[in-house]
């Protein structure tokens, strides 16, 4: 029995959900696990997107900025999720 990471299952579900969008749009599901890798297809897409942005802006570091934005977004949402695990208390000493 083959076990797929949650990010692959999520990407598959998103692909099915958006299968009917017009061909003039490119749909690329990107699902990231906090403690896991980004899928190969998502990495390929992000690399291509970074190269296109770099070519249009003449800024060679755009791909790096793109990955930094993704990293910061993951960190932000991890902080939100962690905060939400704490119970609320009216005790001012806590």
N, C-alpha and C. Protein backbone atom coordinates (compact mmCIF):
# COMPACT_ATOMS: atom_id res chain seq x y z
N UNK A 1 0.84 -1.18 0.00
CA UNK A 1 0.00 0.00 0.00
C UNK A 1 0.88 1.24 0.00
N UNK A 2 0.63 2.13 -0.92
CA UNK A 2 1.40 3.36 -1.06
C UNK A 2 0.77 4.48 -0.23
N UNK A 3 1.60 5.20 0.49
CA UNK A 3 1.11 6.30 1.32
C UNK A 3 1.58 7.61 0.71
N UNK A 4 0.66 8.52 0.42
CA UNK A 4 1.00 9.82 -0.15
C UNK A 4 0.98 10.87 0.94
N UNK A 5 1.89 11.84 0.86
CA UNK A 5 1.86 12.95 1.81
C UNK A 5 0.57 13.75 1.68
N UNK A 6 0.19 14.42 2.74
CA UNK A 6 -1.05 15.21 2.74
C UNK A 6 -1.03 16.28 1.65
N UNK A 7 0.15 16.83 1.37
CA UNK A 7 0.22 17.88 0.35
C UNK A 7 -0.15 17.34 -1.03
N UNK A 8 0.23 16.11 -1.32
CA UNK A 8 -0.13 15.52 -2.62
C UNK A 8 -1.63 15.27 -2.71
N UNK A 9 -2.23 14.79 -1.62
CA UNK A 9 -3.68 14.57 -1.61
C UNK A 9 -4.42 15.89 -1.77
N UNK A 10 -3.95 16.94 -1.10
CA UNK A 10 -4.58 18.24 -1.21
C UNK A 10 -4.45 18.79 -2.63
N UNK A 11 -3.27 18.66 -3.21
CA UNK A 11 -3.05 19.12 -4.58
C UNK A 11 -3.98 18.39 -5.55
N UNK A 12 -4.15 17.10 -5.35
CA UNK A 12 -5.03 16.32 -6.22
C UNK A 12 -6.48 16.82 -6.09
N UNK A 13 -6.93 17.04 -4.86
CA UNK A 13 -8.30 17.52 -4.66
C UNK A 13 -8.52 18.88 -5.31
N UNK A 14 -7.52 19.76 -5.21
CA UNK A 14 -7.63 21.07 -5.85
C UNK A 14 -7.67 20.94 -7.37
N UNK A 15 -6.88 20.02 -7.91
CA UNK A 15 -6.89 19.80 -9.37
C UNK A 15 -8.26 19.36 -9.85
N UNK A 16 -8.89 18.47 -9.10
CA UNK A 16 -10.23 18.01 -9.45
C UNK A 16 -11.23 19.15 -9.34
N UNK A 17 -11.11 19.96 -8.28
CA UNK A 17 -12.03 21.07 -8.06
C UNK A 17 -11.98 22.09 -9.20
N UNK A 18 -10.78 22.37 -9.71
CA UNK A 18 -10.63 23.40 -10.73
C UNK A 18 -10.42 22.83 -12.13
N UNK A 19 -10.83 21.62 -12.37
CA UNK A 19 -10.63 20.98 -13.68
C UNK A 19 -11.39 21.67 -14.80
N UNK A 20 -12.46 22.39 -14.47
CA UNK A 20 -13.29 23.01 -15.50
C UNK A 20 -12.94 24.46 -15.82
N UNK A 21 -11.84 24.97 -15.31
CA UNK A 21 -11.51 26.36 -15.63
C UNK A 21 -11.10 26.46 -17.10
N UNK A 22 -11.28 27.62 -17.72
CA UNK A 22 -10.95 27.78 -19.15
C UNK A 22 -9.47 27.49 -19.43
N UNK A 23 -9.19 27.04 -20.65
CA UNK A 23 -7.83 26.69 -21.03
C UNK A 23 -6.91 27.91 -21.09
N UNK A 24 -7.47 29.10 -21.08
CA UNK A 24 -6.65 30.31 -21.11
C UNK A 24 -5.96 30.56 -19.76
N UNK A 25 -6.36 29.84 -18.73
CA UNK A 25 -5.75 29.93 -17.41
C UNK A 25 -4.87 28.72 -17.17
N UNK A 26 -3.81 28.91 -16.44
CA UNK A 26 -2.97 27.77 -16.03
C UNK A 26 -3.20 27.55 -14.55
N UNK A 27 -3.67 26.38 -14.20
CA UNK A 27 -3.89 26.05 -12.80
C UNK A 27 -2.76 25.16 -12.32
N UNK A 28 -2.14 25.56 -11.23
CA UNK A 28 -1.07 24.76 -10.63
C UNK A 28 -1.32 24.70 -9.13
N UNK A 29 -1.76 23.55 -8.63
CA UNK A 29 -1.98 23.46 -7.18
C UNK A 29 -0.63 23.48 -6.46
N UNK A 30 -0.58 24.25 -5.41
CA UNK A 30 0.63 24.30 -4.58
C UNK A 30 0.18 24.06 -3.15
N UNK A 31 0.57 22.94 -2.62
CA UNK A 31 0.27 22.61 -1.24
C UNK A 31 1.60 22.37 -0.53
N UNK A 32 1.74 22.97 0.62
CA UNK A 32 3.01 22.90 1.34
C UNK A 32 2.76 22.31 2.71
N UNK A 33 3.54 21.32 3.06
CA UNK A 33 3.49 20.77 4.40
C UNK A 33 4.52 21.48 5.25
N UNK A 34 4.17 21.77 6.47
CA UNK A 34 5.09 22.49 7.35
C UNK A 34 6.39 21.74 7.53
N UNK A 35 6.31 20.45 7.75
CA UNK A 35 7.51 19.66 8.00
C UNK A 35 7.86 18.75 6.84
N UNK A 36 7.35 19.06 5.67
CA UNK A 36 7.61 18.21 4.52
C UNK A 36 8.03 19.02 3.31
N UNK A 37 8.40 18.35 2.26
CA UNK A 37 8.87 19.05 1.06
C UNK A 37 7.71 19.56 0.21
N UNK A 38 8.01 20.54 -0.62
CA UNK A 38 7.07 20.99 -1.64
C UNK A 38 7.16 19.97 -2.78
N UNK A 39 6.04 19.63 -3.38
CA UNK A 39 6.04 18.62 -4.44
C UNK A 39 6.92 19.07 -5.61
N UNK A 40 7.42 18.10 -6.36
CA UNK A 40 8.30 18.40 -7.50
C UNK A 40 7.61 19.27 -8.54
N UNK A 41 6.34 18.99 -8.82
CA UNK A 41 5.64 19.79 -9.83
C UNK A 41 5.45 21.23 -9.35
N UNK A 42 5.19 21.40 -8.07
CA UNK A 42 5.05 22.75 -7.53
C UNK A 42 6.39 23.49 -7.56
N UNK A 43 7.47 22.79 -7.25
CA UNK A 43 8.80 23.40 -7.31
C UNK A 43 9.13 23.83 -8.74
N UNK A 44 8.83 22.97 -9.71
CA UNK A 44 9.07 23.31 -11.11
C UNK A 44 8.29 24.56 -11.51
N UNK A 45 7.02 24.60 -11.07
CA UNK A 45 6.18 25.76 -11.38
C UNK A 45 6.73 27.03 -10.74
N UNK A 46 7.10 26.96 -9.47
CA UNK A 46 7.62 28.13 -8.77
C UNK A 46 8.93 28.61 -9.40
N UNK A 47 9.79 27.67 -9.80
CA UNK A 47 11.03 28.05 -10.48
C UNK A 47 10.73 28.77 -11.80
N UNK A 48 9.78 28.22 -12.57
CA UNK A 48 9.41 28.84 -13.84
C UNK A 48 8.80 30.22 -13.60
N UNK A 49 7.92 30.33 -12.62
CA UNK A 49 7.29 31.61 -12.30
C UNK A 49 8.35 32.64 -11.87
N UNK A 50 9.28 32.22 -11.04
CA UNK A 50 10.36 33.11 -10.61
C UNK A 50 11.21 33.59 -11.78
N UNK A 51 11.48 32.70 -12.73
CA UNK A 51 12.25 33.08 -13.91
C UNK A 51 11.50 34.08 -14.78
N UNK A 52 10.21 33.87 -14.93
CA UNK A 52 9.39 34.80 -15.73
C UNK A 52 9.36 36.18 -15.07
N UNK A 53 9.14 36.20 -13.77
CA UNK A 53 9.11 37.48 -13.05
C UNK A 53 10.47 38.16 -13.17
N UNK A 54 11.55 37.40 -13.01
CA UNK A 54 12.89 37.97 -13.13
C UNK A 54 13.13 38.57 -14.51
N UNK A 55 12.69 37.87 -15.53
CA UNK A 55 12.87 38.36 -16.90
C UNK A 55 12.09 39.65 -17.15
N UNK A 56 10.92 39.75 -16.59
CA UNK A 56 10.09 40.94 -16.82
C UNK A 56 10.52 42.14 -15.98
N UNK A 57 11.11 41.88 -14.82
CA UNK A 57 11.50 42.98 -13.93
C UNK A 57 12.99 43.31 -14.02
N UNK A 58 13.75 42.47 -14.72
CA UNK A 58 15.21 42.61 -14.77
C UNK A 58 15.84 42.55 -13.38
N UNK A 59 15.23 41.78 -12.48
CA UNK A 59 15.76 41.57 -11.14
C UNK A 59 16.05 40.09 -10.98
N UNK A 60 17.33 39.75 -10.94
CA UNK A 60 17.74 38.34 -10.92
C UNK A 60 17.32 37.60 -9.65
N UNK A 61 17.02 38.34 -8.60
CA UNK A 61 16.70 37.69 -7.31
C UNK A 61 15.21 37.45 -7.08
N UNK A 62 14.38 37.68 -8.07
CA UNK A 62 12.93 37.53 -7.89
C UNK A 62 12.54 36.12 -7.46
N UNK A 63 13.20 35.11 -7.98
CA UNK A 63 12.87 33.72 -7.60
C UNK A 63 13.14 33.52 -6.11
N UNK A 64 14.24 34.09 -5.64
CA UNK A 64 14.57 33.98 -4.21
C UNK A 64 13.52 34.72 -3.39
N UNK A 65 13.09 35.90 -3.84
CA UNK A 65 12.06 36.64 -3.12
C UNK A 65 10.76 35.86 -3.06
N UNK A 66 10.43 35.18 -4.15
CA UNK A 66 9.22 34.37 -4.18
C UNK A 66 9.27 33.28 -3.12
N UNK A 67 10.38 32.57 -3.03
CA UNK A 67 10.52 31.53 -2.01
C UNK A 67 10.51 32.12 -0.60
N UNK A 68 11.08 33.30 -0.42
CA UNK A 68 11.05 33.94 0.89
C UNK A 68 9.63 34.30 1.28
N UNK A 69 8.84 34.80 0.33
CA UNK A 69 7.44 35.13 0.63
C UNK A 69 6.65 33.89 1.03
N UNK A 70 6.88 32.80 0.34
CA UNK A 70 6.20 31.55 0.69
C UNK A 70 6.63 31.10 2.10
N UNK A 71 7.92 31.18 2.39
CA UNK A 71 8.43 30.80 3.70
C UNK A 71 7.83 31.65 4.81
N UNK A 72 7.76 32.95 4.59
CA UNK A 72 7.19 33.85 5.59
C UNK A 72 5.72 33.57 5.80
N UNK A 73 5.00 33.28 4.71
CA UNK A 73 3.58 32.95 4.82
C UNK A 73 3.37 31.69 5.65
N UNK A 74 4.19 30.67 5.41
CA UNK A 74 4.10 29.43 6.18
C UNK A 74 4.37 29.71 7.66
N UNK A 75 5.42 30.49 7.95
CA UNK A 75 5.75 30.82 9.33
C UNK A 75 4.61 31.58 10.01
N UNK A 76 4.01 32.51 9.27
CA UNK A 76 2.91 33.30 9.81
C UNK A 76 1.73 32.40 10.19
N UNK A 77 1.33 31.52 9.28
CA UNK A 77 0.19 30.66 9.56
C UNK A 77 0.51 29.61 10.63
N UNK A 78 1.76 29.18 10.71
CA UNK A 78 2.14 28.29 11.81
C UNK A 78 1.99 29.00 13.14
N UNK A 79 2.37 30.28 13.20
CA UNK A 79 2.23 31.05 14.43
C UNK A 79 0.76 31.20 14.80
N UNK A 80 -0.10 31.45 13.80
CA UNK A 80 -1.53 31.56 14.06
C UNK A 80 -2.08 30.25 14.59
N UNK A 81 -1.70 29.15 13.97
CA UNK A 81 -2.19 27.84 14.42
C UNK A 81 -1.69 27.52 15.81
N UNK A 82 -0.45 27.84 16.10
CA UNK A 82 0.10 27.59 17.43
C UNK A 82 -0.63 28.43 18.48
N UNK A 83 -0.86 29.69 18.16
CA UNK A 83 -1.56 30.57 19.09
C UNK A 83 -2.96 30.03 19.39
N UNK A 84 -3.62 29.50 18.37
CA UNK A 84 -4.98 29.01 18.54
C UNK A 84 -5.04 27.73 19.38
N UNK A 85 -3.91 27.10 19.65
CA UNK A 85 -3.92 25.90 20.48
C UNK A 85 -3.94 26.23 21.96
N UNK A 86 -3.61 27.47 22.32
CA UNK A 86 -3.63 27.87 23.72
C UNK A 86 -5.05 28.17 24.16
N UNK A 87 -5.39 27.74 25.37
CA UNK A 87 -6.72 28.02 25.86
C UNK A 87 -6.77 29.44 26.42
N UNK A 88 -7.91 30.06 26.30
CA UNK A 88 -8.10 31.40 26.83
C UNK A 88 -8.35 31.31 28.32
N UNK A 89 -7.77 32.20 29.06
CA UNK A 89 -7.95 32.21 30.50
C UNK A 89 -8.08 33.65 30.96
N UNK A 90 -8.90 33.85 31.94
CA UNK A 90 -9.06 35.19 32.49
C UNK A 90 -8.06 35.45 33.61
N UNK A 91 -7.22 34.50 33.90
CA UNK A 91 -6.22 34.65 34.97
C UNK A 91 -5.10 35.57 34.47
N UNK A 92 -4.93 36.76 35.10
CA UNK A 92 -3.90 37.70 34.62
C UNK A 92 -2.48 37.22 34.85
N UNK A 93 -2.28 36.20 35.68
CA UNK A 93 -0.94 35.69 35.97
C UNK A 93 -0.46 34.70 34.92
N UNK A 94 -1.31 34.33 33.99
CA UNK A 94 -0.91 33.37 32.96
C UNK A 94 -0.43 34.03 31.72
